[in-house]
Amino acid sequence: FTVVQGQYLVNAKTNSLSYSNKELSDSGL
């Protein structure tokens, strides 16, 4: 299940939660 750029989506399911897409990184597994 290698994590490949473009093969995952990240979603926050509550307004009290925030994150930065720019800080997403993938490395191997």
Full PDB file with SEQRES, HELIX, SHEET, SSBOND, CRYST1, ORIGX, SCALE, CONECT and MASTER records, all heavy atoms in Angstrom:
SEQRES   1 A   29  PHE THR VAL VAL GLN GLY GLN TYR LEU VAL ASN ALA LYS          
SEQRES   2 A   29  THR ASN SER LEU SER TYR SER ASN LYS GLU LEU SER ASP          
SEQRES   3 A   29  SER GLY LEU                                                  
HELIX    1 AA1 ASN A   21  GLU A   23  5                                   3    
CRYST1    1.000    1.000    1.000  90.00  90.00  90.00 P 1           1          
ORIGX1      1.000000  0.000000  0.000000        0.00000                         
ORIGX2      0.000000  1.000000  0.000000        0.00000                         
ORIGX3      0.000000  0.000000  1.000000        0.00000                         
SCALE1      1.000000  0.000000  0.000000        0.00000                         
SCALE2      0.000000  1.000000  0.000000        0.00000                         
SCALE3      0.000000  0.000000  1.000000        0.00000                         
ATOM      1  N   PHE A   1       0.832  -1.202   0.000  1.00  0.00           N  
ATOM      2  CA  PHE A   1       0.000   0.000   0.000  1.00  0.00           C  
ATOM      3  C   PHE A   1       0.869   1.256   0.000  1.00  0.00           C  
ATOM      4  O   PHE A   1       0.730   2.129   0.835  1.00  0.00           O  
ATOM      5  CB  PHE A   1      -0.925   0.010   1.222  1.00  0.00           C  
ATOM      6  CG  PHE A   1      -2.038  -0.979   1.119  1.00  0.00           C  
ATOM      7  CD1 PHE A   1      -1.850  -2.276   1.549  1.00  0.00           C  
ATOM      8  CD2 PHE A   1      -3.253  -0.641   0.585  1.00  0.00           C  
ATOM      9  CE1 PHE A   1      -2.860  -3.205   1.459  1.00  0.00           C  
ATOM     10  CE2 PHE A   1      -4.276  -1.563   0.494  1.00  0.00           C  
ATOM     11  CZ  PHE A   1      -4.068  -2.860   0.924  1.00  0.00           C  
ATOM     12  N   THR A   2       1.785   1.336  -0.936  1.00  0.00           N  
ATOM     13  CA  THR A   2       2.605   2.540  -1.024  1.00  0.00           C  
ATOM     14  C   THR A   2       1.713   3.749  -1.286  1.00  0.00           C  
ATOM     15  O   THR A   2       0.754   3.688  -2.042  1.00  0.00           O  
ATOM     16  CB  THR A   2       3.634   2.417  -2.167  1.00  0.00           C  
ATOM     17  OG1 THR A   2       2.943   2.063  -3.357  1.00  0.00           O  
ATOM     18  CG2 THR A   2       4.687   1.388  -1.837  1.00  0.00           C  
ATOM     19  N   VAL A   3       2.043   4.834  -0.613  1.00  0.00           N  
ATOM     20  CA  VAL A   3       1.260   6.062  -0.741  1.00  0.00           C  
ATOM     21  C   VAL A   3       1.846   6.883  -1.879  1.00  0.00           C  
ATOM     22  O   VAL A   3       2.980   7.332  -1.807  1.00  0.00           O  
ATOM     23  CB  VAL A   3       1.277   6.857   0.572  1.00  0.00           C  
ATOM     24  CG1 VAL A   3       0.430   8.108   0.441  1.00  0.00           C  
ATOM     25  CG2 VAL A   3       0.785   5.987   1.711  1.00  0.00           C  
ATOM     26  N   VAL A   4       1.094   7.050  -2.947  1.00  0.00           N  
ATOM     27  CA  VAL A   4       1.574   7.729  -4.145  1.00  0.00           C  
ATOM     28  C   VAL A   4       0.870   9.075  -4.268  1.00  0.00           C  
ATOM     29  O   VAL A   4      -0.344   9.169  -4.046  1.00  0.00           O  
ATOM     30  CB  VAL A   4       1.316   6.871  -5.398  1.00  0.00           C  
ATOM     31  CG1 VAL A   4       1.800   7.590  -6.650  1.00  0.00           C  
ATOM     32  CG2 VAL A   4       2.006   5.525  -5.253  1.00  0.00           C  
ATOM     33  N   GLN A   5       1.636  10.102  -4.596  1.00  0.00           N  
ATOM     34  CA  GLN A   5       1.059  11.430  -4.784  1.00  0.00           C  
ATOM     35  C   GLN A   5      -0.108  11.350  -5.765  1.00  0.00           C  
ATOM     36  O   GLN A   5       0.009  10.771  -6.844  1.00  0.00           O  
ATOM     37  CB  GLN A   5       2.123  12.392  -5.314  1.00  0.00           C  
ATOM     38  CG  GLN A   5       1.652  13.832  -5.430  1.00  0.00           C  
ATOM     39  CD  GLN A   5       1.479  14.481  -4.076  1.00  0.00           C  
ATOM     40  OE1 GLN A   5       2.193  14.169  -3.142  1.00  0.00           O  
ATOM     41  NE2 GLN A   5       0.533  15.399  -3.959  1.00  0.00           N  
ATOM     42  N   GLY A   6      -1.259  11.903  -5.365  1.00  0.00           N  
ATOM     43  CA  GLY A   6      -2.430  11.902  -6.216  1.00  0.00           C  
ATOM     44  C   GLY A   6      -3.340  10.706  -6.006  1.00  0.00           C  
ATOM     45  O   GLY A   6      -4.426  10.674  -6.560  1.00  0.00           O  
ATOM     46  N   GLN A   7      -2.889   9.743  -5.188  1.00  0.00           N  
ATOM     47  CA  GLN A   7      -3.714   8.556  -4.940  1.00  0.00           C  
ATOM     48  C   GLN A   7      -4.301   8.567  -3.532  1.00  0.00           C  
ATOM     49  O   GLN A   7      -4.702   7.537  -3.024  1.00  0.00           O  
ATOM     50  CB  GLN A   7      -2.912   7.275  -5.167  1.00  0.00           C  
ATOM     51  CG  GLN A   7      -2.662   6.986  -6.638  1.00  0.00           C  
ATOM     52  CD  GLN A   7      -2.130   5.586  -6.857  1.00  0.00           C  
ATOM     53  OE1 GLN A   7      -1.476   5.020  -6.012  1.00  0.00           O  
ATOM     54  NE2 GLN A   7      -2.437   5.022  -8.011  1.00  0.00           N  
ATOM     55  N   TYR A   8      -4.323   9.723  -2.900  1.00  0.00           N  
ATOM     56  CA  TYR A   8      -5.002   9.836  -1.628  1.00  0.00           C  
ATOM     57  C   TYR A   8      -5.685  11.196  -1.532  1.00  0.00           C  
ATOM     58  O   TYR A   8      -5.301  12.153  -2.187  1.00  0.00           O  
ATOM     59  CB  TYR A   8      -4.048   9.627  -0.450  1.00  0.00           C  
ATOM     60  CG  TYR A   8      -2.901  10.610  -0.391  1.00  0.00           C  
ATOM     61  CD1 TYR A   8      -3.068  11.902   0.102  1.00  0.00           C  
ATOM     62  CD2 TYR A   8      -1.631  10.240  -0.823  1.00  0.00           C  
ATOM     63  CE1 TYR A   8      -2.021  12.789   0.170  1.00  0.00           C  
ATOM     64  CE2 TYR A   8      -0.572  11.118  -0.757  1.00  0.00           C  
ATOM     65  CZ  TYR A   8      -0.762  12.400  -0.278  1.00  0.00           C  
ATOM     66  OH  TYR A   8       0.270  13.285  -0.222  1.00  0.00           O  
ATOM     67  N   LEU A   9      -6.717  11.246  -0.746  1.00  0.00           N  
ATOM     68  CA  LEU A   9      -7.431  12.485  -0.475  1.00  0.00           C  
ATOM     69  C   LEU A   9      -7.493  12.656   1.034  1.00  0.00           C  
ATOM     70  O   LEU A   9      -7.658  11.680   1.777  1.00  0.00           O  
ATOM     71  CB  LEU A   9      -8.849  12.452  -1.053  1.00  0.00           C  
ATOM     72  CG  LEU A   9      -8.969  12.265  -2.569  1.00  0.00           C  
ATOM     73  CD1 LEU A   9     -10.438  12.077  -2.951  1.00  0.00           C  
ATOM     74  CD2 LEU A   9      -8.378  13.451  -3.303  1.00  0.00           C  
ATOM     75  N   VAL A  10      -7.387  13.880   1.517  1.00  0.00           N  
ATOM     76  CA  VAL A  10      -7.472  14.164   2.948  1.00  0.00           C  
ATOM     77  C   VAL A  10      -8.635  15.110   3.185  1.00  0.00           C  
ATOM     78  O   VAL A  10      -8.748  16.147   2.524  1.00  0.00           O  
ATOM     79  CB  VAL A  10      -6.165  14.797   3.480  1.00  0.00           C  
ATOM     80  CG1 VAL A  10      -6.262  15.046   4.974  1.00  0.00           C  
ATOM     81  CG2 VAL A  10      -4.981  13.904   3.157  1.00  0.00           C  
ATOM     82  N   ASN A  11      -9.505  14.751   4.096  1.00  0.00           N  
ATOM     83  CA  ASN A  11     -10.666  15.579   4.390  1.00  0.00           C  
ATOM     84  C   ASN A  11     -10.831  15.741   5.887  1.00  0.00           C  
ATOM     85  O   ASN A  11     -10.602  14.812   6.656  1.00  0.00           O  
ATOM     86  CB  ASN A  11     -11.948  14.938   3.831  1.00  0.00           C  
ATOM     87  CG  ASN A  11     -11.901  14.784   2.326  1.00  0.00           C  
ATOM     88  OD1 ASN A  11     -11.834  15.770   1.621  1.00  0.00           O  
ATOM     89  ND2 ASN A  11     -11.909  13.548   1.853  1.00  0.00           N  
ATOM     90  N   ALA A  12     -11.230  16.940   6.295  1.00  0.00           N  
ATOM     91  CA  ALA A  12     -11.589  17.192   7.691  1.00  0.00           C  
ATOM     92  C   ALA A  12     -13.106  17.152   7.788  1.00  0.00           C  
ATOM     93  O   ALA A  12     -13.789  17.793   7.002  1.00  0.00           O  
ATOM     94  CB  ALA A  12     -11.077  18.557   8.141  1.00  0.00           C  
ATOM     95  N   LYS A  13     -13.628  16.418   8.769  1.00  0.00           N  
ATOM     96  CA  LYS A  13     -15.081  16.225   8.848  1.00  0.00           C  
ATOM     97  C   LYS A  13     -15.716  17.038   9.973  1.00  0.00           C  
ATOM     98  O   LYS A  13     -16.796  16.732  10.418  1.00  0.00           O  
ATOM     99  CB  LYS A  13     -15.388  14.739   9.022  1.00  0.00           C  
ATOM    100  CG  LYS A  13     -14.936  13.896   7.839  1.00  0.00           C  
ATOM    101  CD  LYS A  13     -15.397  12.466   7.950  1.00  0.00           C  
ATOM    102  CE  LYS A  13     -16.885  12.349   7.762  1.00  0.00           C  
ATOM    103  NZ  LYS A  13     -17.321  10.934   7.747  1.00  0.00           N  
ATOM    104  N   THR A  14     -15.010  18.056  10.444  1.00  0.00           N  
ATOM    105  CA  THR A  14     -15.593  18.928  11.454  1.00  0.00           C  
ATOM    106  C   THR A  14     -15.004  20.318  11.302  1.00  0.00           C  
ATOM    107  O   THR A  14     -13.842  20.476  10.940  1.00  0.00           O  
ATOM    108  CB  THR A  14     -15.353  18.407  12.882  1.00  0.00           C  
ATOM    109  OG1 THR A  14     -15.783  19.392  13.833  1.00  0.00           O  
ATOM    110  CG2 THR A  14     -13.883  18.114  13.116  1.00  0.00           C  
ATOM    111  N   ASN A  15     -15.801  21.321  11.569  1.00  0.00           N  
ATOM    112  CA  ASN A  15     -15.325  22.699  11.434  1.00  0.00           C  
ATOM    113  C   ASN A  15     -14.269  23.056  12.461  1.00  0.00           C  
ATOM    114  O   ASN A  15     -13.547  24.031  12.306  1.00  0.00           O  
ATOM    115  CB  ASN A  15     -16.505  23.674  11.555  1.00  0.00           C  
ATOM    116  CG  ASN A  15     -17.451  23.566  10.380  1.00  0.00           C  
ATOM    117  OD1 ASN A  15     -17.053  23.219   9.282  1.00  0.00           O  
ATOM    118  ND2 ASN A  15     -18.719  23.878  10.617  1.00  0.00           N  
ATOM    119  N   SER A  16     -14.190  22.266  13.541  1.00  0.00           N  
ATOM    120  CA  SER A  16     -13.216  22.579  14.588  1.00  0.00           C  
ATOM    121  C   SER A  16     -11.831  22.050  14.247  1.00  0.00           C  
ATOM    122  O   SER A  16     -10.903  22.217  15.014  1.00  0.00           O  
ATOM    123  CB  SER A  16     -13.674  21.984  15.928  1.00  0.00           C  
ATOM    124  OG  SER A  16     -13.691  20.572  15.850  1.00  0.00           O  
ATOM    125  N   LEU A  17     -11.681  21.433  13.081  1.00  0.00           N  
ATOM    126  CA  LEU A  17     -10.416  20.822  12.703  1.00  0.00           C  
ATOM    127  C   LEU A  17      -9.884  21.488  11.446  1.00  0.00           C  
ATOM    128  O   LEU A  17     -10.609  21.718  10.486  1.00  0.00           O  
ATOM    129  CB  LEU A  17     -10.625  19.327  12.441  1.00  0.00           C  
ATOM    130  CG  LEU A  17      -9.413  18.496  12.059  1.00  0.00           C  
ATOM    131  CD1 LEU A  17      -8.409  18.481  13.192  1.00  0.00           C  
ATOM    132  CD2 LEU A  17      -9.850  17.090  11.726  1.00  0.00           C  
ATOM    133  N   SER A  18      -8.612  21.834  11.466  1.00  0.00           N  
ATOM    134  CA  SER A  18      -8.012  22.440  10.285  1.00  0.00           C  
ATOM    135  C   SER A  18      -6.629  21.845  10.066  1.00  0.00           C  
ATOM    136  O   SER A  18      -6.016  21.310  10.975  1.00  0.00           O  
ATOM    137  CB  SER A  18      -7.892  23.958  10.453  1.00  0.00           C  
ATOM    138  OG  SER A  18      -7.059  24.278  11.545  1.00  0.00           O  
ATOM    139  N   TYR A  19      -6.149  21.923   8.811  1.00  0.00           N  
ATOM    140  CA  TYR A  19      -4.827  21.435   8.501  1.00  0.00           C  
ATOM    141  C   TYR A  19      -4.397  22.107   7.208  1.00  0.00           C  
ATOM    142  O   TYR A  19      -5.193  22.723   6.499  1.00  0.00           O  
ATOM    143  CB  TYR A  19      -4.807  19.912   8.336  1.00  0.00           C  
ATOM    144  CG  TYR A  19      -5.713  19.446   7.226  1.00  0.00           C  
ATOM    145  CD1 TYR A  19      -5.237  19.274   5.945  1.00  0.00           C  
ATOM    146  CD2 TYR A  19      -7.059  19.230   7.465  1.00  0.00           C  
ATOM    147  CE1 TYR A  19      -6.068  18.895   4.911  1.00  0.00           C  
ATOM    148  CE2 TYR A  19      -7.904  18.843   6.442  1.00  0.00           C  
ATOM    149  CZ  TYR A  19      -7.407  18.674   5.165  1.00  0.00           C  
ATOM    150  OH  TYR A  19      -8.244  18.308   4.153  1.00  0.00           O  
ATOM    151  N   SER A  20      -3.133  21.991   6.909  1.00  0.00           N  
ATOM    152  CA  SER A  20      -2.615  22.629   5.709  1.00  0.00           C  
ATOM    153  C   SER A  20      -2.263  21.566   4.680  1.00  0.00           C  
ATOM    154  O   SER A  20      -1.467  20.672   4.947  1.00  0.00           O  
ATOM    155  CB  SER A  20      -1.371  23.465   6.039  1.00  0.00           C  
ATOM    156  OG  SER A  20      -0.746  23.893   4.850  1.00  0.00           O  
ATOM    157  N   ASN A  21      -2.854  21.665   3.490  1.00  0.00           N  
ATOM    158  CA  ASN A  21      -2.514  20.721   2.425  1.00  0.00           C  
ATOM    159  C   ASN A  21      -1.038  20.795   2.062  1.00  0.00           C  
ATOM    160  O   ASN A  21      -0.438  19.814   1.652  1.00  0.00           O  
ATOM    161  CB  ASN A  21      -3.357  21.007   1.178  1.00  0.00           C  
ATOM    162  CG  ASN A  21      -4.776  20.480   1.305  1.00  0.00           C  
ATOM    163  OD1 ASN A  21      -4.973  19.339   1.652  1.00  0.00           O  
ATOM    164  ND2 ASN A  21      -5.740  21.341   1.055  1.00  0.00           N  
ATOM    165  N   LYS A  22      -0.455  21.958   2.207  1.00  0.00           N  
ATOM    166  CA  LYS A  22       0.953  22.114   1.855  1.00  0.00           C  
ATOM    167  C   LYS A  22       1.857  21.302   2.789  1.00  0.00           C  
ATOM    168  O   LYS A  22       3.001  21.018   2.439  1.00  0.00           O  
ATOM    169  CB  LYS A  22       1.337  23.592   1.916  1.00  0.00           C  
ATOM    170  CG  LYS A  22       0.638  24.453   0.869  1.00  0.00           C  
ATOM    171  CD  LYS A  22       1.064  25.904   0.983  1.00  0.00           C  
ATOM    172  CE  LYS A  22       0.356  26.755  -0.052  1.00  0.00           C  
ATOM    173  NZ  LYS A  22       0.742  28.180   0.036  1.00  0.00           N  
ATOM    174  N   GLU A  23       1.353  20.948   3.939  1.00  0.00           N  
ATOM    175  CA  GLU A  23       2.176  20.219   4.888  1.00  0.00           C  
ATOM    176  C   GLU A  23       1.993  18.705   4.784  1.00  0.00           C  
ATOM    177  O   GLU A  23       2.565  17.958   5.563  1.00  0.00           O  
ATOM    178  CB  GLU A  23       1.865  20.684   6.317  1.00  0.00           C  
ATOM    179  CG  GLU A  23       2.262  22.125   6.562  1.00  0.00           C  
ATOM    180  CD  GLU A  23       2.002  22.541   7.999  1.00  0.00           C  
ATOM    181  OE1 GLU A  23       2.808  22.194   8.866  1.00  0.00           O  
ATOM    182  OE2 GLU A  23       0.984  23.201   8.226  1.00  0.00           O  
ATOM    183  N   LEU A  24       1.197  18.266   3.804  1.00  0.00           N  
ATOM    184  CA  LEU A  24       1.058  16.833   3.582  1.00  0.00           C  
ATOM    185  C   LEU A  24       2.334  16.300   2.949  1.00  0.00           C  
ATOM    186  O   LEU A  24       2.921  16.935   2.075  1.00  0.00           O  
ATOM    187  CB  LEU A  24      -0.116  16.544   2.652  1.00  0.00           C  
ATOM    188  CG  LEU A  24      -1.503  16.774   3.241  1.00  0.00           C  
ATOM    189  CD1 LEU A  24      -2.556  16.534   2.175  1.00  0.00           C  
ATOM    190  CD2 LEU A  24      -1.742  15.833   4.399  1.00  0.00           C  
ATOM    191  N   SER A  25       2.771  15.163   3.390  1.00  0.00           N  
ATOM    192  CA  SER A  25       3.950  14.540   2.799  1.00  0.00           C  
ATOM    193  C   SER A  25       3.741  13.048   2.753  1.00  0.00           C  
ATOM    194  O   SER A  25       2.979  12.487   3.534  1.00  0.00           O  
ATOM    195  CB  SER A  25       5.203  14.861   3.622  1.00  0.00           C  
ATOM    196  OG  SER A  25       5.099  14.307   4.914  1.00  0.00           O  
ATOM    197  N   ASP A  26       4.376  12.388   1.796  1.00  0.00           N  
ATOM    198  CA  ASP A  26       4.292  10.936   1.739  1.00  0.00           C  
ATOM    199  C   ASP A  26       5.697  10.381   1.577  1.00  0.00           C  
ATOM    200  O   ASP A  26       6.522  10.925   0.864  1.00  0.00           O  
ATOM    201  CB  ASP A  26       3.385  10.468   0.603  1.00  0.00           C  
ATOM    202  CG  ASP A  26       3.738  11.111  -0.720  1.00  0.00           C  
ATOM    203  OD1 ASP A  26       3.219  12.203  -1.000  1.00  0.00           O  
ATOM    204  OD2 ASP A  26       4.531  10.522  -1.463  1.00  0.00           O  
ATOM    205  N   SER A  27       5.946   9.311   2.285  1.00  0.00           N  
ATOM    206  CA  SER A  27       7.269   8.694   2.259  1.00  0.00           C  
ATOM    207  C   SER A  27       7.113   7.201   2.426  1.00  0.00           C  
ATOM    208  O   SER A  27       6.874   6.717   3.529  1.00  0.00           O  
ATOM    209  CB  SER A  27       8.139   9.268   3.395  1.00  0.00           C  
ATOM    210  OG  SER A  27       9.376   8.613   3.450  1.00  0.00           O  
ATOM    211  N   GLY A  28       7.211   6.465   1.310  1.00  0.00           N  
ATOM    212  CA  GLY A  28       7.111   5.023   1.393  1.00  0.00           C  
ATOM    213  C   GLY A  28       5.758   4.594   1.907  1.00  0.00           C  
ATOM    214  O   GLY A  28       4.734   4.872   1.314  1.00  0.00           O  
ATOM    215  N   LEU A  29       5.758   3.938   3.058  1.00  0.00           N  
ATOM    216  CA  LEU A  29       4.523   3.401   3.605  1.00  0.00           C  
ATOM    217  C   LEU A  29       3.941   4.298   4.689  1.00  0.00           C  
ATOM    218  O   LEU A  29       3.100   3.881   5.466  1.00  0.00           O  
ATOM    219  CB  LEU A  29       4.776   2.001   4.170  1.00  0.00           C  
ATOM    220  CG  LEU A  29       5.329   0.983   3.178  1.00  0.00           C  
ATOM    221  CD1 LEU A  29       5.551  -0.341   3.857  1.00  0.00           C  
ATOM    222  CD2 LEU A  29       4.389   0.826   2.001  1.00  0.00           C  
TER     223      LEU A  29                                                      
MASTER        0    0    0    1    0    0    0    6  222    1    0    3          
END                                                                             
